[in-house]
Structures are given as structure tokens and as C-alpha cells.
């Protein structure tokens, strides 16, 4: 079978996510036959280094033997069972592990199907909690500008990336949006910590003004991934936790993209030594194998729903595949890899190598900033380095980088004009240099008028 014949079959029946399908008249979809480690292979033998972890989900490489073995074993035991009134070993063991490894105080685990669903769960739980304890005036949420939390309606409402949200505005609940702490716009010579601290005054003001009506503040700790990989200092998280306590507001940490080692610690909240009231997990949770998410919360929240049925305080939210046995087993295998190997320590070495490989971009005349948090590195391509004037989005300069990279066997998928590296943790230093070399040449070609 050729790539073209498979692509033709695809385009006859499929509608792909986050895609203007007309683009595929000029740029065929790439059919992948198999994967191994950081490499993907198409039907004609071409290989592609997966530098973005297949949308940030793949932690330990494709066809990972440890996760494969766990799933094969689970297949012979149980594939799925209704999770209302029933339970099974993999779901219980995974929940026990998640309670063990997440910040102290998160003691209850609620499963859902994907990241957006986890955010929906956290929003509803927070709202319902205040209602159950007699504070029904708390109905609103605070979110950060440039934030992204998913594309179901509740998750979309608390996000702030216009590209995804604007069209559906009439369908969405109102939220309070606070200017964000991302450090791209800091003053010359101003540190990340100083800028994030200065920006926190805007959040403090919003909390002070609206506390009586606020259920929760929802944030992506340290990195606003879909918001062009913008980053900020952990001091903001520390101050936000204190302020949420002061004003009696929940803190929801959306760690869907940044959890499981991406930022240099197992969870991003650890950088500020805080425990949120809700932590949303997905993506890397199953090592990129199966759709699963989890919302971790506190016993205080759990107890507000625990009562006689007649009280009607139960959390009546469900998914047909809640607690899927195969997905839970993949999640267990993923956590076991973290616990049996020094993944965090090795990631620090890889992050240093990534920084060295990308250091040259700091001097590029069309790069405004190179920023990095752990195993996430972003390169902001601009028209004018000194004024930071961006390229018009209509020119699709990032797409040119993407196309060039594919021709050289590297999968990069820029966010607009932001090129980022977010590879699986099994990447080698040599492969990191390959990614950087290809990105450099891709940018060189993309900035030519």
C-alpha cells in the first residue's frame, strides 16, 4: 500500500481534528504504519521523529514494551465493566497510586475520559460543592487570559484563546478573565519572578472584588501550552494558593499537559509546593496509549457530597467508559516506569541538552524569545526581533516550518509562529540536536520573504 492510496481512503471518509480539511488538497495526510520509541514510520518506509509526543501524550515512546506487556495481560482479564456499583483492580490500584504521588491532601480520584472531560468534572464539582454547603451565590469562575482548558463547552468557556473560543461565544457561560502572568511581556531586565509577582496584583484585585460569587480559579500551572507555550514563575502559584484560601475560593490546577514530568517535577504544582483543591490529569497519564483522565480532590470536597440519597447531594456525572480497565492498566504501567527508573533526574539532563541545542536561536534575527520549562522549549518567531512585531497570522510561517521539518523526518507542529520541542522522555541527546538543526533550517526558510 502506498501513502497516497491510504491518504485517499482517509479523505473519503474522515474529518480530522483542529484542521481545515481543504489544506489536504495540497498537503496529504501522512499515514503511519507503525511506531517505535520516538520514531514513526509511514507505509513507504519514511521515518519521522515525534518531537511533540503526538500532541503531548506520549511519554515513553511508541510501542513501549512495559506498557505493551501490561495491556496484553489486562486484555486476558478484563477489558471494561460498568463503573457505577462495580469496581476492578486496575482502577483501584491506579487511584491509590495517584493519591500517593500527587500533592499531599488530594485523597479522592474521579475518573473521566479525556482532558476536557476532567475540566468539566472539576468545574461542576466546585460549583456543586458550594451549593451543597449552602453558598449558592458562588456560580462564577476566574480564568487567565491566553489560557486553554479544552473544547467541550464548559472547558471552552474557561479558556481564553480566541481561535478556539470566539465562534462559540453565544453558547458559553460568562467567566471573569484576569490578565495573565506569562513572562513574554516583562520589561527588559525584569526577572520572571518579579514580573509574575507584579501581575498577581491583578488576580488579587479580581478575587477581592468578586469573592462572594466565585467558585474557583482555574489555571495551567507554569505553562500555557496551547496559548503559544507562554510561561511564568512558580511564585504566582504560591501567591494564588494563599489568595484562594484567603477569599474562600477553590483552586483548580489543570495539569493535563504539564503533569507527569513535563516541567521538571512530577507535577508542576510541586515547583511552588502547593496543593490545589482539584487537579486535572490526562494526556501523559496513560503514556499516550488510551484516553483516560482523572480529577484528584480533597476529602473536604468529597464529604460535601456524602449524605443520604434523599438529600440529593450526590455528584451525578458519568461517562460510559469511566474507569476503563485497559486505560487504567496503561496508567499503572506509566506510573511504574516513573517509580522504577529515575525519569525526573534523566529529564533534567535532557532538558539541559535541549537548552544547549536551542541556544543558537537566541541570536536569530527573527526569534523574539527562547523559553523553557523542563521538557518544554518554545521558540517565538517574529517579523522584527527588536520590536517583537509578529508575522501576520495569514502568512502561516509556522506551517512552512512544519512542512520543511516533515521533509527532513521530524514532526514539529508549531502553534502559529511558535515552534516548540516537547519530545518523549526516551529521546536521545543526538535526536535533540537533530530536532534543533531541522527547526533552525525550517525557520531560515520560513522567514524568507
Protein backbone atom coordinates (compact mmCIF):
# COMPACT_ATOMS: atom_id res chain seq x y z
CA UNK A 1 0.00 0.00 0.00
CA UNK A 2 1.28 3.49 -0.85
CA UNK A 3 0.94 6.59 1.29
CA UNK A 4 -1.20 8.21 -1.39
CA UNK A 5 -3.67 5.35 -1.66
CA UNK A 6 -4.12 5.29 2.11
CA UNK A 7 -4.46 9.08 2.22
CA UNK A 8 -7.16 8.92 -0.47
CA UNK A 9 -9.13 6.39 1.58
CA UNK A 10 -8.80 8.63 4.65
CA UNK A 11 -10.02 11.77 2.92
CA UNK A 12 -13.02 9.93 1.52
CA UNK A 13 -14.48 9.28 4.97
CA UNK A 14 -12.68 11.16 7.75
CA UNK A 15 -12.79 14.64 9.27
CA UNK A 16 -9.62 15.39 11.26
CA UNK A 17 -9.36 17.47 14.45
CA UNK A 18 -8.13 21.06 14.52
CA UNK A 19 -7.79 21.03 10.74
CA UNK A 20 -9.03 23.00 7.76
CA UNK A 21 -9.64 19.94 5.62
CA UNK A 22 -9.18 21.89 2.38
CA UNK A 23 -5.47 22.15 3.28
CA UNK A 24 -5.19 18.46 2.49
CA UNK A 25 -5.80 19.17 -1.18
CA UNK A 26 -2.21 20.46 -1.19
CA UNK A 27 -0.76 18.65 1.83
CA UNK A 28 -1.81 15.00 2.09
CA UNK A 29 -2.32 13.41 5.48
CA UNK A 30 0.60 11.17 6.44
CA UNK A 31 -0.47 7.59 7.12
CA UNK A 32 1.53 5.95 9.89
CA UNK A 33 2.05 2.21 9.73
CA UNK A 34 3.96 1.73 12.97
CA UNK A 35 5.93 3.43 15.72
CA UNK A 36 8.87 2.56 17.90
CA UNK A 37 10.42 4.81 20.51
CA UNK A 38 10.45 8.42 19.28
CA UNK A 39 10.09 7.34 15.65
CA UNK A 40 7.02 6.93 13.46
CA UNK A 41 7.09 5.17 10.09
CA UNK A 42 4.73 5.57 7.14
CA UNK A 43 3.68 2.99 4.53
CA UNK A 44 6.62 3.82 2.29
CA UNK A 45 9.29 3.46 4.96
CA UNK A 46 9.79 7.17 5.67
CA UNK A 47 10.51 7.89 9.34
CA UNK A 48 9.52 10.89 11.46
CA UNK A 49 10.93 11.87 14.85
CA UNK A 50 7.92 12.62 17.05
CA UNK A 51 9.21 15.87 18.58
CA UNK A 52 5.80 16.81 20.03
CA UNK A 53 4.91 13.49 21.71
CA UNK A 54 1.89 13.08 19.44
CA UNK A 55 0.04 16.07 20.91
CA UNK A 56 1.90 15.90 24.22
CA UNK A 57 0.63 12.49 25.30
CA UNK A 58 3.48 10.08 24.61
CA UNK A 59 5.97 9.95 27.48
CA UNK A 60 7.98 6.79 26.98
CA UNK A 61 7.93 6.21 23.25
CA UNK A 62 5.66 4.40 20.84
CA UNK A 63 5.18 0.65 21.35
CA UNK A 64 6.78 0.85 24.79
CA UNK A 65 7.45 -2.74 25.90
CA UNK A 66 6.47 -2.18 29.55
CA UNK A 67 3.10 -0.64 28.73
CA UNK A 68 2.53 -3.15 25.92
CA UNK A 69 3.04 -6.07 28.31
CA UNK A 70 0.68 -4.57 30.89
CA UNK A 71 -2.07 -4.12 28.32
CA UNK A 72 -1.65 -7.63 26.94
CA UNK A 73 -2.04 -9.01 30.45
CA UNK A 74 -5.09 -6.85 31.13
CA UNK A 75 -6.74 -7.96 27.87
CA UNK A 76 -6.83 -11.53 29.11
CA UNK A 77 -8.51 -10.50 32.37
CA UNK A 78 -10.97 -7.64 31.89
CA UNK A 79 -11.43 -5.03 29.18
CA UNK A 80 -14.18 -2.92 30.79
CA UNK A 81 -17.03 -3.05 33.27
CA UNK A 82 -19.66 -0.51 34.28
CA UNK A 83 -18.13 1.69 36.98
CA UNK A 84 -21.37 2.56 38.77
CA UNK A 85 -21.83 -0.01 41.51
CA UNK A 86 -18.86 -2.06 40.28
CA UNK A 87 -15.11 -1.74 40.51
CA UNK A 88 -11.95 -3.60 39.48
CA UNK A 89 -8.32 -3.97 40.47
CA UNK A 90 -6.67 -1.69 37.90
CA UNK A 91 -8.94 1.26 38.71
CA UNK A 92 -8.38 0.90 42.45
CA UNK A 93 -4.61 0.44 42.15
CA UNK A 94 -4.28 3.43 39.82
CA UNK A 95 -6.32 5.64 42.16
CA UNK A 96 -4.14 4.53 45.08
CA UNK A 97 -1.02 5.42 43.10
CA UNK A 98 -2.39 8.81 42.06
CA UNK A 99 -3.26 9.68 45.66
CA UNK A 100 0.25 8.59 46.63
CA UNK A 101 2.16 10.66 44.06
CA UNK A 102 0.08 13.85 43.78
CA UNK A 103 0.45 16.72 46.28
CA UNK A 104 -0.45 15.96 49.89
CA UNK A 105 -4.14 16.40 50.64
CA UNK A 106 -5.51 15.12 47.33
CA UNK A 107 -7.21 11.98 48.57
CA UNK A 108 -10.09 11.23 46.17
CA UNK A 109 -9.93 10.27 42.50
CA UNK A 110 -12.77 10.68 39.98
CA UNK A 111 -12.19 9.19 36.52
CA UNK A 112 -13.31 10.64 33.21
CA UNK A 113 -12.44 10.04 29.56
CA UNK A 114 -10.14 12.88 28.44
CA UNK A 115 -8.73 16.26 29.43
CA UNK A 116 -11.75 18.36 28.54
CA UNK A 117 -13.97 15.96 30.46
CA UNK A 118 -11.74 16.27 33.51
CA UNK A 119 -12.08 20.05 33.41
CA UNK A 120 -15.86 19.71 33.13
CA UNK A 121 -15.82 17.45 36.21
CA UNK A 122 -13.74 19.90 38.23
CA UNK A 123 -15.93 22.87 37.28
CA UNK A 124 -19.12 21.03 38.15
CA UNK A 125 -17.72 19.64 41.39
CA UNK A 126 -16.62 23.08 42.54
CA UNK A 127 -19.96 24.67 41.68
CA UNK A 128 -21.88 21.80 43.26
CA UNK A 129 -19.73 21.85 46.40
CA UNK A 130 -20.65 25.44 47.21
CA UNK A 131 -24.30 24.69 46.51
CA UNK A 132 -24.21 21.67 48.82
CA UNK A 133 -22.77 23.66 51.73
CA UNK A 134 -25.30 26.47 51.35
CA UNK A 135 -23.30 29.05 49.38
CA UNK A 136 -25.33 29.01 46.19
CA UNK A 137 -24.25 32.55 45.29
CA UNK A 138 -20.91 31.13 44.14
CA UNK A 139 -21.54 30.47 40.45
CA UNK A 140 -18.66 32.01 38.50
CA UNK A 141 -15.08 31.12 37.59
CA UNK A 142 -11.92 33.15 37.17
CA UNK A 143 -9.56 32.25 34.37
CA UNK A 144 -6.36 33.71 32.93
CA UNK A 145 -6.04 35.44 29.59
CA UNK A 146 -4.43 33.24 26.93
CA UNK A 147 -5.49 30.11 28.82
CA UNK A 148 -6.74 26.88 27.29
CA UNK A 149 -8.60 24.10 29.07
CA UNK A 150 -10.26 22.07 26.32
CA UNK A 151 -13.05 22.29 23.78
CA UNK A 152 -16.20 20.96 25.37
CA UNK A 153 -18.46 23.89 26.26
CA UNK A 154 -17.57 24.28 29.93
CA UNK A 155 -13.86 23.85 29.31
CA UNK A 156 -14.02 26.20 26.33
CA UNK A 157 -15.79 28.83 28.42
CA UNK A 158 -12.97 28.98 30.98
CA UNK A 159 -10.35 29.18 28.24
CA UNK A 160 -9.27 32.38 26.53
CA UNK A 161 -7.68 31.53 23.17
CA UNK A 162 -9.87 33.30 20.63
CA UNK A 163 -9.02 30.89 17.81
CA UNK A 164 -10.89 28.12 19.60
CA UNK A 165 -13.43 30.10 21.61
CA UNK A 166 -14.69 33.08 19.65
CA UNK A 167 -17.00 31.24 17.23
CA UNK A 168 -18.88 29.52 20.05
CA UNK A 169 -19.22 32.57 22.31
CA UNK A 170 -23.05 32.57 22.30
CA UNK A 171 -23.05 29.04 23.72
CA UNK A 172 -20.70 29.69 26.63
CA UNK A 173 -21.15 30.74 30.25
CA UNK A 174 -19.68 34.05 31.35
CA UNK A 175 -16.39 33.99 33.22
CA UNK A 176 -14.08 36.58 34.74
CA UNK A 177 -10.83 36.79 32.78
CA UNK A 178 -7.76 38.19 34.51
CA UNK A 179 -4.62 39.41 32.70
CA UNK A 180 -2.06 36.64 32.87
CA UNK A 181 1.41 36.25 34.39
CA UNK A 182 3.22 34.92 31.31
CA UNK A 183 6.65 36.48 31.14
CA UNK A 184 6.94 37.21 27.41
CA UNK A 185 5.91 40.82 28.02
CA UNK A 186 8.16 41.53 31.00
CA UNK A 187 10.27 44.67 30.98
CA UNK A 188 13.94 44.50 29.88
CA UNK A 189 15.97 43.18 32.81
CA UNK A 190 12.89 42.17 34.80
CA UNK A 191 13.03 38.65 36.17
CA UNK A 192 10.30 36.07 35.66
CA UNK A 193 9.62 36.10 39.41
CA UNK A 194 9.32 39.88 39.58
CA UNK A 195 7.03 40.07 36.57
CA UNK A 196 4.77 37.23 37.73
CA UNK A 197 4.59 38.82 41.18
CA UNK A 198 3.67 42.18 39.69
CA UNK A 199 0.96 40.61 37.54
CA UNK A 200 -0.53 38.81 40.53
CA UNK A 201 -1.90 42.10 41.85
CA UNK A 202 -4.50 41.91 39.04
CA UNK A 203 -5.64 38.49 40.22
CA UNK A 204 -5.74 39.66 43.83
CA UNK A 205 -7.93 42.58 42.81
CA UNK A 206 -10.39 40.30 40.97
CA UNK A 207 -10.62 37.91 43.91
CA UNK A 208 -11.17 40.72 46.36
CA UNK A 209 -13.90 42.22 44.20
CA UNK A 210 -15.76 39.04 43.25
CA UNK A 211 -15.02 36.51 46.02
CA UNK A 212 -18.65 36.11 47.08
CA UNK A 213 -19.64 34.94 43.60
CA UNK A 214 -16.56 32.87 42.67
CA UNK A 215 -16.47 29.09 42.79
CA UNK A 216 -12.88 28.64 41.65
CA UNK A 217 -9.87 29.97 39.82
CA UNK A 218 -8.66 27.62 37.08
CA UNK A 219 -5.07 27.75 35.83
CA UNK A 220 -2.49 25.83 33.83
CA UNK A 221 0.47 25.73 36.23
CA UNK A 222 3.66 27.31 34.79
CA UNK A 223 2.99 26.79 31.06
CA UNK A 224 0.00 27.88 28.97
CA UNK A 225 0.59 25.22 26.38
CA UNK A 226 -2.00 25.85 23.67
CA UNK A 227 -1.56 29.57 24.34
CA UNK A 228 1.73 29.60 22.40
CA UNK A 229 3.66 27.86 25.17
CA UNK A 230 3.78 31.03 27.28
CA UNK A 231 5.44 30.51 30.67
CA UNK A 232 5.55 32.09 34.12
CA UNK A 233 7.23 31.80 37.51
CA UNK A 234 6.12 29.45 40.34
CA UNK A 235 5.78 32.44 42.69
CA UNK A 236 2.43 33.13 41.01
CA UNK A 237 1.13 29.71 42.04
CA UNK A 238 2.25 30.22 45.63
CA UNK A 239 0.54 33.60 45.87
CA UNK A 240 -2.59 32.28 44.17
CA UNK A 241 -2.93 29.40 46.63
CA UNK A 242 -2.69 31.82 49.55
CA UNK A 243 -5.21 34.19 47.97
CA UNK A 244 -7.72 31.43 47.22
CA UNK A 245 -7.55 30.39 50.87
CA UNK A 246 -7.95 34.00 51.99
CA UNK A 247 -11.01 34.63 49.83
CA UNK A 248 -12.58 31.16 50.24
CA UNK A 249 -12.29 30.17 46.59
CA UNK A 250 -11.25 26.83 45.09
CA UNK A 251 -8.08 26.45 43.05
CA UNK A 252 -8.28 24.13 40.02
CA UNK A 253 -4.91 23.09 38.60
CA UNK A 254 -5.18 21.93 35.01
CA UNK A 255 -2.10 19.69 34.82
CA UNK A 256 -3.38 17.84 31.77
CA UNK A 257 -0.47 18.92 29.57
CA UNK A 258 2.15 19.82 32.19
CA UNK A 259 1.80 16.88 34.57
CA UNK A 260 3.88 13.70 34.69
CA UNK A 261 7.34 15.19 34.48
CA UNK A 262 6.97 17.81 31.75
CA UNK A 263 8.07 20.78 33.85
CA UNK A 264 10.98 19.15 35.69
CA UNK A 265 8.99 17.81 38.64
CA UNK A 266 6.35 15.10 38.54
CA UNK A 267 3.63 17.75 38.75
CA UNK A 268 4.01 21.46 38.03
CA UNK A 269 2.39 22.44 41.34
CA UNK A 270 5.40 20.96 43.12
CA UNK A 271 7.51 23.90 41.93
CA UNK A 272 5.52 26.09 44.33
CA UNK A 273 4.91 23.37 46.93
CA UNK A 274 1.14 23.85 46.76
CA UNK A 275 -1.87 21.58 46.81
CA UNK A 276 -4.82 22.68 44.65
CA UNK A 277 -8.39 21.80 45.56
CA UNK A 278 -8.75 19.98 42.25
CA UNK A 279 -6.03 18.61 39.99
CA UNK A 280 -6.98 17.58 36.45
CA UNK A 281 -4.81 14.89 34.83
CA UNK A 282 -4.85 13.26 31.40
CA UNK A 283 -2.54 13.10 28.31
CA UNK A 284 0.62 11.53 29.80
CA UNK A 285 -1.43 9.63 32.38
CA UNK A 286 -1.53 6.54 30.14
CA UNK A 287 1.78 7.20 28.40
CA UNK A 288 -0.09 8.15 25.24
CA UNK A 289 -1.87 4.82 24.84
CA UNK A 290 -5.54 5.29 25.74
CA UNK A 291 -7.96 8.07 26.59
CA UNK A 292 -8.29 8.49 30.34
CA UNK A 293 -8.42 11.40 32.74
CA UNK A 294 -8.64 11.81 36.48
CA UNK A 295 -9.68 14.60 38.81
CA UNK A 296 -7.99 14.47 42.20
CA UNK A 297 -9.65 16.37 45.03
CA UNK A 298 -9.73 16.65 48.80
CA UNK A 299 -11.68 14.81 51.44
CA UNK A 300 -13.35 18.12 52.35
CA UNK A 301 -14.87 18.32 48.88
CA UNK A 302 -15.81 14.64 48.92
CA UNK A 303 -17.61 14.94 52.27
CA UNK A 304 -19.83 17.74 50.97
CA UNK A 305 -21.45 15.23 48.59
CA UNK A 306 -21.62 12.32 51.06
CA UNK A 307 -25.13 12.02 52.52
CA UNK A 308 -28.35 10.01 52.41
CA UNK A 309 -29.71 9.67 48.88
CA UNK A 310 -32.82 11.67 49.79
CA UNK A 311 -30.64 14.73 50.36
CA UNK A 312 -29.92 14.82 46.59
CA UNK A 313 -26.32 15.93 47.04
CA UNK A 314 -24.68 13.16 45.00
CA UNK A 315 -22.39 14.05 42.08
CA UNK A 316 -24.40 12.68 39.15
CA UNK A 317 -21.78 12.90 36.44
CA UNK A 318 -20.78 9.89 34.37
CA UNK A 319 -19.08 8.57 31.27
CA UNK A 320 -19.82 5.14 29.81
CA UNK A 321 -16.13 4.27 29.83
CA UNK A 322 -15.41 5.66 33.31
CA UNK A 323 -12.56 3.73 34.91
CA UNK A 324 -11.89 1.67 31.79
CA UNK A 325 -9.74 -1.28 32.82
CA UNK A 326 -7.38 -1.15 29.84
CA UNK A 327 -6.76 2.58 30.24
CA UNK A 328 -6.24 2.25 34.00
CA UNK A 329 -3.73 -0.54 33.45
CA UNK A 330 -1.81 1.63 30.97
CA UNK A 331 -1.82 4.38 33.59
CA UNK A 332 -0.45 1.98 36.21
CA UNK A 333 2.34 0.90 33.89
CA UNK A 334 3.20 4.53 33.20
CA UNK A 335 3.50 5.35 36.90
CA UNK A 336 5.53 2.19 37.48
CA UNK A 337 8.08 3.38 34.93
CA UNK A 338 8.42 6.64 36.87
CA UNK A 339 8.86 4.74 40.12
CA UNK A 340 11.29 2.12 38.82
CA UNK A 341 13.52 4.50 36.83
CA UNK A 342 14.95 7.94 37.59
CA UNK A 343 12.86 9.63 34.91
CA UNK A 344 12.84 13.05 36.60
CA UNK A 345 16.61 13.01 37.05
CA UNK A 346 17.20 11.93 33.47
CA UNK A 347 14.76 14.57 32.22
CA UNK A 348 16.86 17.25 33.88
CA UNK A 349 19.84 16.10 31.81
CA UNK A 350 17.71 16.01 28.65
CA UNK A 351 16.35 19.49 29.40
CA UNK A 352 19.91 20.80 29.70
CA UNK A 353 20.81 19.18 26.39
CA UNK A 354 17.71 20.67 24.79
CA UNK A 355 18.71 24.12 26.04
CA UNK A 356 22.19 23.74 24.56
CA UNK A 357 20.82 22.56 21.23
CA UNK A 358 18.46 25.54 21.06
CA UNK A 359 20.88 28.19 22.39
CA UNK A 360 21.70 29.45 18.89
CA UNK A 361 18.08 30.57 18.39
CA UNK A 362 18.56 33.35 20.95
CA UNK A 363 20.63 35.27 18.39
CA UNK A 364 18.43 34.60 15.39
CA UNK A 365 17.21 37.89 13.85
CA UNK A 366 13.64 36.57 13.65
CA UNK A 367 13.37 34.98 17.10
CA UNK A 368 12.00 37.17 19.89
CA UNK A 369 12.47 34.67 22.69
CA UNK A 370 13.56 31.16 23.52
CA UNK A 371 11.85 30.00 26.71
CA UNK A 372 11.95 26.70 28.54
CA UNK A 373 10.36 24.95 31.48
CA UNK A 374 11.71 21.44 31.94
CA UNK A 375 11.00 19.29 28.89
CA UNK A 376 9.09 22.07 27.10
CA UNK A 377 11.04 24.53 24.96
CA UNK A 378 9.47 27.20 22.74
CA UNK A 379 10.92 29.48 20.07
CA UNK A 380 8.87 32.59 19.24
CA UNK A 381 9.35 33.51 15.58
CA UNK A 382 8.65 37.21 14.79
CA UNK A 383 8.94 39.66 11.93
CA UNK A 384 11.05 42.11 13.94
CA UNK A 385 13.26 40.91 16.81
CA UNK A 386 13.65 44.35 18.41
CA UNK A 387 10.01 45.47 18.36
CA UNK A 388 8.66 41.90 18.61
CA UNK A 389 6.26 42.67 15.78
CA UNK A 390 4.68 39.34 14.86
CA UNK A 391 4.24 38.00 11.39
CA UNK A 392 0.64 38.29 10.16
CA UNK A 393 -1.08 35.02 11.02
CA UNK A 394 -2.42 34.80 7.46
CA UNK A 395 1.12 34.17 6.17
CA UNK A 396 1.28 30.85 8.07
CA UNK A 397 5.03 30.97 8.57
CA UNK A 398 4.83 28.22 11.18
CA UNK A 399 3.23 25.94 8.59
CA UNK A 400 6.33 26.36 6.43
CA UNK A 401 8.48 25.14 9.34
CA UNK A 402 6.16 22.16 9.78
CA UNK A 403 6.36 21.21 6.11
CA UNK A 404 10.11 21.55 5.92
CA UNK A 405 10.58 19.52 9.11
CA UNK A 406 8.47 16.66 7.74
CA UNK A 407 10.60 16.61 4.60
CA UNK A 408 13.60 16.07 6.88
CA UNK A 409 11.96 13.41 9.03
CA UNK A 410 10.96 15.47 12.07
CA UNK A 411 7.40 16.03 13.31
CA UNK A 412 7.11 19.61 14.56
CA UNK A 413 3.65 21.17 14.77
CA UNK A 414 4.05 24.88 15.55
CA UNK A 415 1.40 26.88 17.39
CA UNK A 416 1.05 29.70 14.90
CA UNK A 417 4.56 31.12 14.70
CA UNK A 418 5.79 29.44 17.88
CA UNK A 419 7.94 26.38 17.26
CA UNK A 420 8.23 24.12 20.28
CA UNK A 421 10.02 20.95 21.33
CA UNK A 422 8.10 18.57 23.59
CA UNK A 423 9.54 15.11 22.86
CA UNK A 424 9.03 11.78 24.62
CA UNK A 425 11.36 11.19 27.55
CA UNK A 426 13.18 8.41 25.68
CA UNK A 427 14.65 10.91 23.20
CA UNK A 428 18.45 10.95 22.99
CA UNK A 429 20.72 13.98 23.04
CA UNK A 430 21.67 13.24 19.44
CA UNK A 431 17.99 13.30 18.46
CA UNK A 432 17.51 16.60 20.30
CA UNK A 433 20.26 18.13 18.18
CA UNK A 434 18.56 16.76 15.07
CA UNK A 435 15.30 18.44 16.12
CA UNK A 436 17.08 21.74 16.69
CA UNK A 437 19.01 21.56 13.41
CA UNK A 438 15.85 20.92 11.42
CA UNK A 439 13.95 23.67 13.28
CA UNK A 440 16.77 26.13 12.57
CA UNK A 441 16.75 25.45 8.84
CA UNK A 442 12.94 25.46 8.83
CA UNK A 443 12.89 28.93 10.37
CA UNK A 444 15.55 30.12 7.92
CA UNK A 445 13.28 29.11 5.07
CA UNK A 446 10.10 30.38 6.70
CA UNK A 447 11.37 33.92 7.25
CA UNK A 448 12.42 34.46 3.67
CA UNK A 449 10.11 36.96 2.00
